[in-house]
Every structure is written in structure tokens, then in C-alpha cells.
Amino acid sequence: MRSLQIGLLGKANVGKSTFFSAATETPVASGNFPFTTIEPNIGVAYVKADCACKHFKIEHQNDLCVKGTRFIPVKLIDIAGLVPGAHEGKGLGNQFLDDARQAEVLIHVVDIAGTTDIQGQPVPPGTHNPLEDVEFVQDEFDQWFADILKREWDKITREIHQKRAKLTDGIAKRFTGLGIKDFEVQDVLQKLGFISRDPKEWNDDDIVAFAKELRKNTKPMIIAANKADLCPDLDIIKKINDNVIPCSAETELLLRKASKAGIVNYSSGDEGFTIPEGKEIAPPQQKALDLVKTVFEKIPSTGIQKILNTAVFDSLNFIVVYPVEDETKFTNKDGVILPDAKLLPQDSTAKDLAGLIHADIAKGFLHAIDCKTKQRISGDQKLKNGDVIKIVSTLSRG
């Protein structure tokens, strides 16, 4: 099981690279022209959850646990700027879609203030409708999925009629590069009532309808309504049907830099900041912080942390599990308390956790121990969010 990957996408100049820098504290090129991002930037961001130390009421030294809040790393891919017609290879379309296929969930950064046109060129605030951006990015993905099927539809039809494949298998085979599983194809076929239909009877509209539903189910998308602080009327957010969260990537980046410099006390996701007692603030810094206060008057937080957490815990329904080697002290072999926090899909089992730790541990799996209840559990036992688990195996990691 590879590490969780989140794709960051959107047209040029909407603040996507700023979002990436704010989320990962990784400096990247940014500018007011298309294709500032050409090769995908890859960095580490963090989602936040309650640490298991809270349950056990214990203290421990771990850089990724701050006052009982656990920071869990995820991979963030800042994908090359998107333009209309990407699925036909326009702009950096082919590269864009190839990069996007690696992600389990997508964050679509939209300039909700309407300061960039459809091609990513600067325009006066409010003169471009951001709903067009939401629609065009979704349409590019849907067309991409549909094109994959259309190219292969005659072949799929022949395979099924020659009884060399079932409909589910025939379709799933074409999407293996996107990590799409048979059961996901089956679910969509059943939902649309297509499961028993002869593929020869499908028309282009049926293929597009299926492609759209498959994309929504397998590449869920969060809308990051960026530049929300500059938006004259945030009611426009209510017109977006997808999961949408207002944000200000520029504010988050400023606060992270100020926090690192010791100018403010701030942790991502906070609904404000404080100034350390006795700290002298220079006039330019005070001016910047006054602007930040106006942002928090308009939106409850910068939104960056909420978007990351929503992508992982709400859209993907992932859970956090803490593997340990000593079920009484909750430590690894070196005595480190709660050393790791692992993200797993909902309904993952104890054996899935073993495989995530190391293939050899899964190979020699005997049983596991739920450290909260002290009970032995089997390999097919489904894990719960916040579980602390010891794996017992005949093989240790190589």
C-alpha cells in the first residue's frame, strides 16, 4: 500500500502554487502567467487528528504530536496548470492528466474572487465567473474518462460477446492505470442501472454518463475557493454543488512564515493568531498582520488545513491507526511512545496494517492485539479510527 497522494489542480494563476507552498512550507515558482508550474512539484503536507496519547492520558515526546494533536504526513502533488481542451492534449494536457492519475483525491483551487479569466490571465476582480472554472475542470476530467472508454468500446463489446470478459472486468481493465478497482466499476454500473445492459446498446451519452459517475466516485474533488477574502460576495459558493471550502492560501503562507520567525503564535487551522508576550512588531509587520485580521473577519480560518482534512477524512473516509510493538507501554522496540500514525482506508483490516508496515510482517501474520481493549484480534478484523495495534508475526521487517 503506497502513501496517500493528494493532487492539487486548477487553471493558471489562481494561487495553486501559493496553496502548495503554504501547505508544505516548500517554496515554488509562482507568477502571473500560464504554466508557471510545468513539472509537478511534490511535497509533504499534514492532516491533523487527535493523538492516541489523549486516550491513554500519557505524555510523550514526538515532533508530530503537539498538545495531543497528531500531524500525519501526506504527499501533495502540485500539478501543471490546466487549460480548456487538456483531454485533447492542449497546453500541457497530456502531462497534466498523467500527473493527476497518481492522486486518490483532488483539490481544485478556484479563484473565487474572479480575478483571472478562463485562460489564467489577470482581469479586474469580479469580472470572471468562477463557476465556469469549476465546470471546465470537471468537464476535462469527465471527457478524459469518457475518451478512454470510447477508444476501447468496440474492443470491450467484442470481448464480452465472445465471452472472454464480463462487462465489469472489461471496463475496469481500461482504468487500471488510474488505480480503479473492479468493485468501483460494478458499483457505478449498478447505480446507473447499466449492469445488465448489452454494451452494444450503449450510446455516447451512456458512456459519458458512466464516465462522469466513475470519475466522481474514484477521483473525488474538493473545491478550494481561494482568494475568498477578496471576493465581493461569498454567496457564490452556495452555487457550487461540490464540496467547497473558502480559503486564503496567501494568508496561510504569511502566517506560517510569521510563526516560524517567532512573530506570531499560530498553528494551521487556527481561527486567528496571537502575538507572543513582549514581542515588538515592526510597522510593516503590523500592517501585514492587520490585513490578516480582516481575512479572519470574512472567513473563519485560512481554510488550508480544513481542506486537507476534508480531502482525507471526509472524501476518502480514511482512518488513523497507531502501530506499536509493546502493547503495555505503547512503544516501538526503541522505547518511543506512539512512534507512528498510519492512514488507512475505512474497513481496512489488521492484516492490511501489517502489509503497510512491511510485506514480511504481513507474510508471517499470526494475530494482532487491540491495545485499548487488550484483546487479541484476527487478521480480517476491521480497524477503527484511533486504534492502537500491535501486530504479532513470525517474520520481522527485513
Protein backbone atom coordinates (compact mmCIF):
# COMPACT_ATOMS: atom_id res chain seq x y z
CA MET A 1 0.00 0.00 0.00
CA ARG A 2 1.68 3.22 -1.15
CA SER A 3 1.48 6.54 0.65
CA LEU A 4 -1.65 8.63 0.24
CA GLN A 5 -1.37 11.18 -2.57
CA ILE A 6 -3.44 14.35 -2.99
CA GLY A 7 -3.49 16.12 -6.35
CA LEU A 8 -3.60 19.92 -6.41
CA LEU A 9 -5.02 21.27 -9.64
CA GLY A 10 -6.60 24.27 -11.29
CA LYS A 11 -6.08 26.70 -14.14
CA ALA A 12 -3.08 29.04 -14.14
CA ASN A 13 -2.69 31.89 -11.65
CA VAL A 14 -5.41 31.01 -9.14
CA GLY A 15 -2.95 30.69 -6.24
CA LYS A 16 -2.35 26.96 -6.65
CA SER A 17 1.41 27.20 -6.12
CA THR A 18 0.84 29.50 -3.14
CA PHE A 19 -1.53 26.87 -1.70
CA PHE A 20 1.17 24.25 -2.22
CA SER A 21 3.84 26.42 -0.55
CA ALA A 22 1.54 27.20 2.38
CA ALA A 23 0.56 23.54 2.89
CA THR A 24 4.06 22.09 2.55
CA GLU A 25 6.29 25.04 3.51
CA THR A 26 8.10 24.34 0.25
CA PRO A 27 8.98 27.39 -1.89
CA VAL A 28 7.96 27.01 -5.55
CA ALA A 29 7.86 29.31 -8.56
CA SER A 30 4.75 31.45 -8.91
CA GLY A 31 3.80 34.21 -11.29
CA ASN A 32 1.03 35.87 -13.28
CA PHE A 33 1.37 33.84 -16.46
CA PRO A 34 0.25 30.39 -17.59
CA PHE A 35 2.42 27.33 -16.94
CA THR A 36 4.49 28.76 -14.09
CA THR A 37 4.21 25.18 -12.85
CA ILE A 38 5.44 22.91 -15.65
CA GLU A 39 6.88 19.88 -13.85
CA PRO A 40 4.73 18.79 -10.90
CA ASN A 41 6.01 19.94 -7.51
CA ILE A 42 5.83 17.21 -4.88
CA GLY A 43 5.90 17.97 -1.16
CA VAL A 44 4.70 16.78 2.22
CA ALA A 45 1.63 18.30 3.85
CA TYR A 46 -0.02 17.21 7.09
CA VAL A 47 -3.53 16.32 8.17
CA LYS A 48 -4.46 16.67 11.84
CA ALA A 49 -6.17 14.23 14.21
CA ASP A 50 -6.41 13.56 17.94
CA CYS A 51 -3.32 11.64 19.05
CA ALA A 52 -3.86 8.36 20.92
CA CYS A 53 -1.92 9.88 23.83
CA LYS A 54 -5.17 11.68 24.72
CA HIS A 55 -6.99 8.38 25.19
CA PHE A 56 -4.29 6.94 27.43
CA LYS A 57 -3.69 10.29 29.20
CA ILE A 58 0.05 9.98 28.71
CA GLU A 59 2.75 12.44 27.72
CA HIS A 60 5.33 11.67 25.07
CA GLN A 61 7.99 13.39 23.01
CA ASN A 62 7.13 13.37 19.33
CA ASP A 63 7.66 16.24 16.90
CA LEU A 64 4.43 15.25 15.14
CA CYS A 65 2.31 15.46 18.30
CA VAL A 66 1.61 18.97 19.58
CA LYS A 67 -0.53 19.16 22.73
CA GLY A 68 -2.41 15.99 21.83
CA THR A 69 -2.89 16.86 18.15
CA ARG A 70 -1.17 14.47 15.75
CA PHE A 71 0.19 15.69 12.41
CA ILE A 72 0.12 12.89 9.82
CA PRO A 73 2.10 13.33 6.58
CA VAL A 74 0.51 13.04 3.14
CA LYS A 75 2.02 13.58 -0.30
CA LEU A 76 0.82 16.69 -2.14
CA ILE A 77 1.33 16.95 -5.91
CA ASP A 78 1.08 20.43 -7.43
CA ILE A 79 0.09 19.59 -11.00
CA ALA A 80 0.86 21.68 -14.09
CA GLY A 81 -1.67 24.42 -14.96
CA LEU A 82 -4.78 23.29 -16.81
CA VAL A 83 -6.37 24.91 -19.86
CA PRO A 84 -9.60 24.05 -21.74
CA GLY A 85 -9.03 21.12 -24.13
CA ALA A 86 -6.45 19.39 -21.91
CA HIS A 87 -8.05 15.99 -22.59
CA GLU A 88 -7.30 16.61 -26.29
CA GLY A 89 -3.65 17.37 -25.47
CA LYS A 90 -3.89 21.18 -25.49
CA GLY A 91 -1.50 23.17 -23.29
CA LEU A 92 0.21 20.67 -21.02
CA GLY A 93 -2.89 18.50 -21.10
CA ASN A 94 -1.38 15.06 -21.53
CA GLN A 95 1.22 15.68 -18.83
CA PHE A 96 -1.42 17.18 -16.56
CA LEU A 97 -3.69 14.16 -16.78
CA ASP A 98 -0.78 11.75 -16.37
CA ASP A 99 0.27 13.52 -13.17
CA ALA A 100 -3.31 13.65 -11.91
CA ARG A 101 -3.81 9.89 -12.28
CA GLN A 102 -1.47 9.32 -9.31
CA ALA A 103 -3.80 11.07 -6.84
CA GLU A 104 -6.54 9.42 -4.80
CA VAL A 105 -8.31 12.71 -4.17
CA LEU A 106 -8.13 16.09 -5.92
CA ILE A 107 -8.14 19.62 -4.57
CA HIS A 108 -9.28 22.05 -7.26
CA VAL A 109 -8.06 25.57 -6.43
CA VAL A 110 -10.50 28.15 -7.82
CA ASP A 111 -10.10 31.93 -7.87
CA ILE A 112 -13.46 32.59 -6.20
CA ALA A 113 -12.87 36.37 -6.45
CA GLY A 114 -12.92 36.14 -10.26
CA THR A 115 -9.57 37.90 -10.85
CA THR A 116 -8.38 35.56 -13.64
CA ASP A 117 -10.07 34.63 -16.92
CA ILE A 118 -10.55 31.09 -18.22
CA GLN A 119 -7.01 31.05 -19.66
CA GLY A 120 -5.49 32.25 -16.37
CA GLN A 121 -4.85 35.84 -17.44
CA PRO A 122 -5.38 38.60 -14.81
CA VAL A 123 -8.66 40.56 -15.04
CA PRO A 124 -10.32 43.07 -12.68
CA PRO A 125 -11.84 41.40 -9.56
CA GLY A 126 -15.34 40.04 -10.09
CA THR A 127 -15.25 40.19 -13.88
CA HIS A 128 -14.83 36.43 -14.39
CA ASN A 129 -17.37 33.87 -13.20
CA PRO A 130 -15.54 31.23 -11.09
CA LEU A 131 -18.37 28.76 -11.69
CA GLU A 132 -17.02 28.42 -15.24
CA ASP A 133 -13.68 27.26 -13.83
CA VAL A 134 -15.35 24.63 -11.65
CA GLU A 135 -17.31 23.35 -14.63
CA PHE A 136 -14.43 23.30 -17.10
CA VAL A 137 -12.04 21.35 -14.83
CA GLN A 138 -14.70 18.76 -14.04
CA ASP A 139 -15.56 18.55 -17.74
CA GLU A 140 -11.90 17.95 -18.66
CA PHE A 141 -11.72 15.03 -16.24
CA ASP A 142 -15.07 13.62 -17.35
CA GLN A 143 -14.07 13.88 -21.03
CA TRP A 144 -10.75 12.19 -20.24
CA PHE A 145 -12.54 9.24 -18.63
CA ALA A 146 -15.06 9.11 -21.47
CA ASP A 147 -12.33 9.18 -24.14
CA ILE A 148 -10.59 6.20 -22.50
CA LEU A 149 -13.81 4.21 -22.84
CA LYS A 150 -14.78 5.42 -26.30
CA ARG A 151 -11.40 4.42 -27.75
CA GLU A 152 -11.82 0.89 -26.42
CA TRP A 153 -15.58 0.40 -26.60
CA ASP A 154 -15.66 -1.73 -29.75
CA LYS A 155 -12.97 -3.97 -28.29
CA ILE A 156 -14.81 -4.24 -24.95
CA THR A 157 -18.02 -5.16 -26.80
CA ARG A 158 -16.25 -7.90 -28.79
CA GLU A 159 -14.62 -9.36 -25.66
CA ILE A 160 -17.97 -9.58 -23.89
CA HIS A 161 -19.81 -11.13 -26.84
CA GLN A 162 -17.03 -13.65 -27.31
CA LYS A 163 -17.39 -14.40 -23.58
CA ARG A 164 -13.75 -13.50 -22.97
CA ALA A 165 -14.68 -10.89 -20.37
CA LYS A 166 -17.55 -9.62 -18.25
CA LEU A 167 -18.68 -6.01 -18.59
CA THR A 168 -17.22 -5.04 -15.19
CA ASP A 169 -13.86 -6.65 -15.95
CA GLY A 170 -13.72 -5.25 -19.48
CA ILE A 171 -14.23 -1.68 -18.26
CA ALA A 172 -12.03 -1.98 -15.17
CA LYS A 173 -9.14 -3.26 -17.30
CA ARG A 174 -9.10 0.08 -19.20
CA PHE A 175 -8.77 2.06 -15.97
CA THR A 176 -6.10 0.04 -14.16
CA GLY A 177 -3.59 2.85 -14.74
CA LEU A 178 -5.84 5.08 -12.63
CA GLY A 179 -5.95 2.60 -9.77
CA ILE A 180 -9.67 1.95 -10.30
CA LYS A 181 -10.87 -1.40 -8.93
CA ASP A 182 -13.45 -3.87 -10.28
CA PHE A 183 -15.87 -3.24 -7.39
CA GLU A 184 -15.83 0.51 -8.10
CA VAL A 185 -16.85 -0.11 -11.71
CA GLN A 186 -19.51 -2.57 -10.51
CA ASP A 187 -20.94 -0.01 -8.07
CA VAL A 188 -21.35 2.60 -10.83
CA LEU A 189 -22.89 0.12 -13.26
CA GLN A 190 -25.46 -0.86 -10.64
CA LYS A 191 -26.16 2.72 -9.60
CA LEU A 192 -26.93 3.74 -13.20
CA GLY A 193 -28.86 0.54 -13.98
CA PHE A 194 -26.33 -0.45 -16.67
CA ILE A 195 -25.19 -3.73 -15.12
CA SER A 196 -27.36 -5.99 -17.32
CA ARG A 197 -27.41 -3.84 -20.45
CA ASP A 198 -25.77 -5.12 -23.62
CA PRO A 199 -22.76 -2.86 -24.32
CA LYS A 200 -23.84 -2.79 -27.99
CA GLU A 201 -26.87 -0.80 -26.85
CA TRP A 202 -24.78 1.91 -25.15
CA ASN A 203 -24.65 5.23 -26.98
CA ASP A 204 -22.22 8.14 -26.48
CA ASP A 205 -24.47 9.72 -23.84
CA ASP A 206 -24.43 6.48 -21.84
CA ILE A 207 -20.64 6.31 -21.98
CA VAL A 208 -20.32 9.94 -20.86
CA ALA A 209 -22.84 9.42 -18.03
CA PHE A 210 -20.93 6.37 -16.83
CA ALA A 211 -17.57 8.17 -17.12
CA LYS A 212 -18.83 11.13 -15.06
CA GLU A 213 -20.13 8.92 -12.28
CA LEU A 214 -16.95 6.82 -12.24
CA ARG A 215 -14.80 9.97 -12.01
CA LYS A 216 -16.87 11.35 -9.14
CA ASN A 217 -16.61 8.06 -7.23
CA THR A 218 -12.94 7.34 -7.82
CA LYS A 219 -11.37 10.82 -8.05
CA PRO A 220 -13.37 12.86 -5.52
CA MET A 221 -12.78 16.61 -5.76
CA ILE A 222 -12.70 19.33 -3.11
CA ILE A 223 -13.16 22.91 -4.33
CA ALA A 224 -10.71 25.26 -2.60
CA ALA A 225 -12.41 28.65 -3.04
CA ASN A 226 -9.18 30.65 -2.90
CA LYS A 227 -8.89 34.46 -2.57
CA ALA A 228 -12.11 34.30 -0.56
CA ASP A 229 -11.00 37.41 1.32
CA LEU A 230 -11.06 39.34 -1.99
CA CYS A 231 -14.45 38.01 -3.09
CA PRO A 232 -17.13 40.74 -3.08
CA ASP A 233 -19.94 38.24 -2.39
CA LEU A 234 -19.20 34.80 -0.92
CA ASP A 235 -22.80 33.72 -1.57
CA ILE A 236 -21.47 32.50 -4.92
CA ILE A 237 -20.10 29.49 -3.02
CA LYS A 238 -23.68 28.28 -2.47
CA LYS A 239 -24.00 27.83 -6.24
CA ILE A 240 -21.23 25.19 -6.31
CA ASN A 241 -22.64 21.70 -5.83
CA ASP A 242 -19.38 20.01 -4.90
CA ASN A 243 -17.67 20.06 -1.52
CA VAL A 244 -16.41 23.66 -1.40
CA ILE A 245 -14.37 25.42 1.30
CA PRO A 246 -13.41 29.12 1.26
CA CYS A 247 -9.70 29.76 1.78
CA SER A 248 -6.85 32.24 1.53
CA ALA A 249 -3.60 30.50 0.64
CA GLU A 250 -1.67 33.77 0.74
CA THR A 251 -2.79 34.42 4.33
CA GLU A 252 -1.83 30.90 5.41
CA LEU A 253 1.62 31.27 3.84
CA LEU A 254 2.16 34.63 5.56
CA LEU A 255 1.11 33.25 8.96
CA ARG A 256 3.32 30.18 8.64
CA LYS A 257 6.32 32.36 7.84
CA ALA A 258 5.48 34.72 10.72
CA SER A 259 5.08 31.78 13.11
CA LYS A 260 8.41 30.31 12.03
CA ALA A 261 10.06 33.68 12.65
CA GLY A 262 8.51 33.87 16.13
CA ILE A 263 6.40 36.92 15.26
CA VAL A 264 3.07 35.21 15.99
CA ASN A 265 1.70 32.12 17.69
CA TYR A 266 -0.18 30.21 15.00
CA SER A 267 -0.90 26.62 14.01
CA SER A 268 -2.53 25.71 10.72
CA GLY A 269 -6.29 25.54 11.15
CA ASP A 270 -6.42 28.07 13.99
CA GLU A 271 -9.15 30.69 13.78
CA GLY A 272 -6.72 33.52 14.43
CA PHE A 273 -3.27 34.20 15.85
CA THR A 274 -1.69 35.81 18.91
CA ILE A 275 1.45 37.84 19.34
CA PRO A 276 3.98 36.50 21.88
CA GLU A 277 4.10 38.50 25.09
CA GLY A 278 6.67 41.27 24.95
CA LYS A 279 7.22 40.84 21.19
CA GLU A 280 7.92 44.10 19.36
CA ILE A 281 6.30 44.28 15.95
CA ALA A 282 7.80 46.50 13.25
CA PRO A 283 5.34 48.80 11.39
CA PRO A 284 5.46 46.82 8.09
CA GLN A 285 4.80 43.59 10.01
CA GLN A 286 1.93 45.19 11.92
CA LYS A 287 0.41 46.38 8.65
CA ALA A 288 0.53 42.82 7.26
CA LEU A 289 -1.00 41.37 10.45
CA ASP A 290 -3.78 43.96 10.35
CA LEU A 291 -4.63 42.72 6.85
CA VAL A 292 -4.67 39.15 8.15
CA LYS A 293 -7.20 40.18 10.79
CA THR A 294 -9.53 41.43 8.06
CA VAL A 295 -9.28 38.00 6.40
CA PHE A 296 -10.38 36.28 9.62
CA GLU A 297 -13.31 38.69 9.83
CA LYS A 298 -14.53 37.37 6.48
CA ILE A 299 -13.71 33.64 6.75
CA PRO A 300 -13.30 31.61 9.97
CA SER A 301 -9.81 30.31 9.13
CA THR A 302 -7.42 30.35 6.17
CA GLY A 303 -9.13 27.11 5.11
CA ILE A 304 -5.96 25.27 4.09
CA GLN A 305 -5.96 22.78 6.96
CA LYS A 306 -9.71 22.23 6.71
CA ILE A 307 -9.36 21.42 3.00
CA LEU A 308 -6.59 18.87 3.60
CA ASN A 309 -8.50 17.20 6.44
CA THR A 310 -11.74 17.16 4.44
CA ALA A 311 -9.97 15.54 1.48
CA VAL A 312 -8.53 12.70 3.58
CA PHE A 313 -11.10 12.09 6.31
CA ASP A 314 -14.38 13.06 4.62
CA SER A 315 -13.92 12.45 0.89
CA LEU A 316 -11.72 9.35 1.20
CA ASN A 317 -13.01 8.22 4.62
CA PHE A 318 -9.51 7.33 5.79
CA ILE A 319 -8.82 6.45 9.43
CA VAL A 320 -5.74 6.88 11.64
CA VAL A 321 -4.21 3.83 13.32
CA TYR A 322 -1.18 3.71 15.64
CA PRO A 323 1.03 0.57 15.29
CA VAL A 324 3.21 -0.30 18.30
CA GLU A 325 5.43 -3.22 19.31
CA ASP A 326 4.79 -3.17 23.07
CA GLU A 327 1.08 -3.32 23.90
CA THR A 328 1.57 -2.27 27.54
CA LYS A 329 3.89 0.72 27.05
CA PHE A 330 2.61 1.63 23.54
CA THR A 331 6.17 1.83 22.20
CA ASN A 332 8.34 0.55 19.39
CA LYS A 333 11.42 -1.61 20.05
CA ASP A 334 13.43 1.55 20.85
CA GLY A 335 11.00 2.62 23.56
CA VAL A 336 9.48 5.51 21.59
CA ILE A 337 5.86 6.05 22.66
CA LEU A 338 3.29 6.04 19.81
CA PRO A 339 6.02 6.42 17.18
CA ASP A 340 3.85 6.19 14.05
CA ALA A 341 0.41 7.19 12.85
CA LYS A 342 -0.78 5.41 9.71
CA LEU A 343 -3.57 6.45 7.34
CA LEU A 344 -5.68 3.57 6.05
CA PRO A 345 -8.92 3.36 4.05
CA GLN A 346 -12.05 2.73 6.08
CA ASP A 347 -12.74 -1.01 6.54
CA SER A 348 -9.01 -1.83 6.47
CA THR A 349 -8.08 -4.90 8.50
CA ALA A 350 -5.30 -5.76 10.93
CA LYS A 351 -3.55 -7.62 8.12
CA ASP A 352 -3.81 -4.55 5.87
CA LEU A 353 -1.99 -2.61 8.60
CA ALA A 354 0.67 -5.32 8.75
CA GLY A 355 1.21 -5.01 4.99
CA LEU A 356 1.50 -1.23 5.27
CA ILE A 357 4.25 -1.62 7.88
CA HIS A 358 6.22 -4.24 5.93
CA ALA A 359 5.44 -7.05 3.47
CA ASP A 360 7.33 -9.60 5.60
CA ILE A 361 5.23 -8.79 8.68
CA ALA A 362 2.06 -9.40 6.66
CA LYS A 363 3.50 -12.62 5.24
CA GLY A 364 4.13 -14.05 8.72
CA PHE A 365 0.99 -12.55 10.31
CA LEU A 366 -0.35 -14.55 13.28
CA HIS A 367 -2.70 -12.15 15.03
CA ALA A 368 -2.92 -8.61 16.38
CA ILE A 369 -3.64 -7.05 19.75
CA ASP A 370 -6.00 -4.11 20.28
CA CYS A 371 -4.03 -2.13 22.85
CA LYS A 372 -7.08 -0.24 24.11
CA THR A 373 -9.04 -3.39 24.99
CA LYS A 374 -6.02 -5.73 25.40
CA GLN A 375 -7.88 -8.27 23.26
CA ARG A 376 -6.43 -10.46 20.53
CA ILE A 377 -7.91 -9.79 17.08
CA SER A 378 -7.72 -11.73 13.82
CA GLY A 379 -6.23 -10.65 10.52
CA ASP A 380 -9.64 -9.89 8.99
CA GLN A 381 -10.76 -7.73 11.93
CA LYS A 382 -11.74 -4.28 10.67
CA LEU A 383 -9.88 -1.46 12.38
CA LYS A 384 -11.42 1.70 13.82
CA ASN A 385 -10.21 5.28 13.76
CA GLY A 386 -7.78 5.86 16.64
CA ASP A 387 -6.96 2.17 17.20
CA VAL A 388 -3.57 1.33 18.72
CA ILE A 389 -2.49 -2.04 17.36
CA LYS A 390 0.34 -4.50 17.96
CA ILE A 391 0.99 -6.97 15.12
CA VAL A 392 2.27 -10.41 16.07
CA SER A 393 4.16 -12.06 13.22
CA THR A 394 6.58 -14.92 12.67
CA LEU A 395 8.67 -12.63 10.47
CA SER A 396 10.20 -9.28 11.33
CA ARG A 397 10.74 -6.50 8.82
CA GLY A 398 13.77 -7.08 6.60
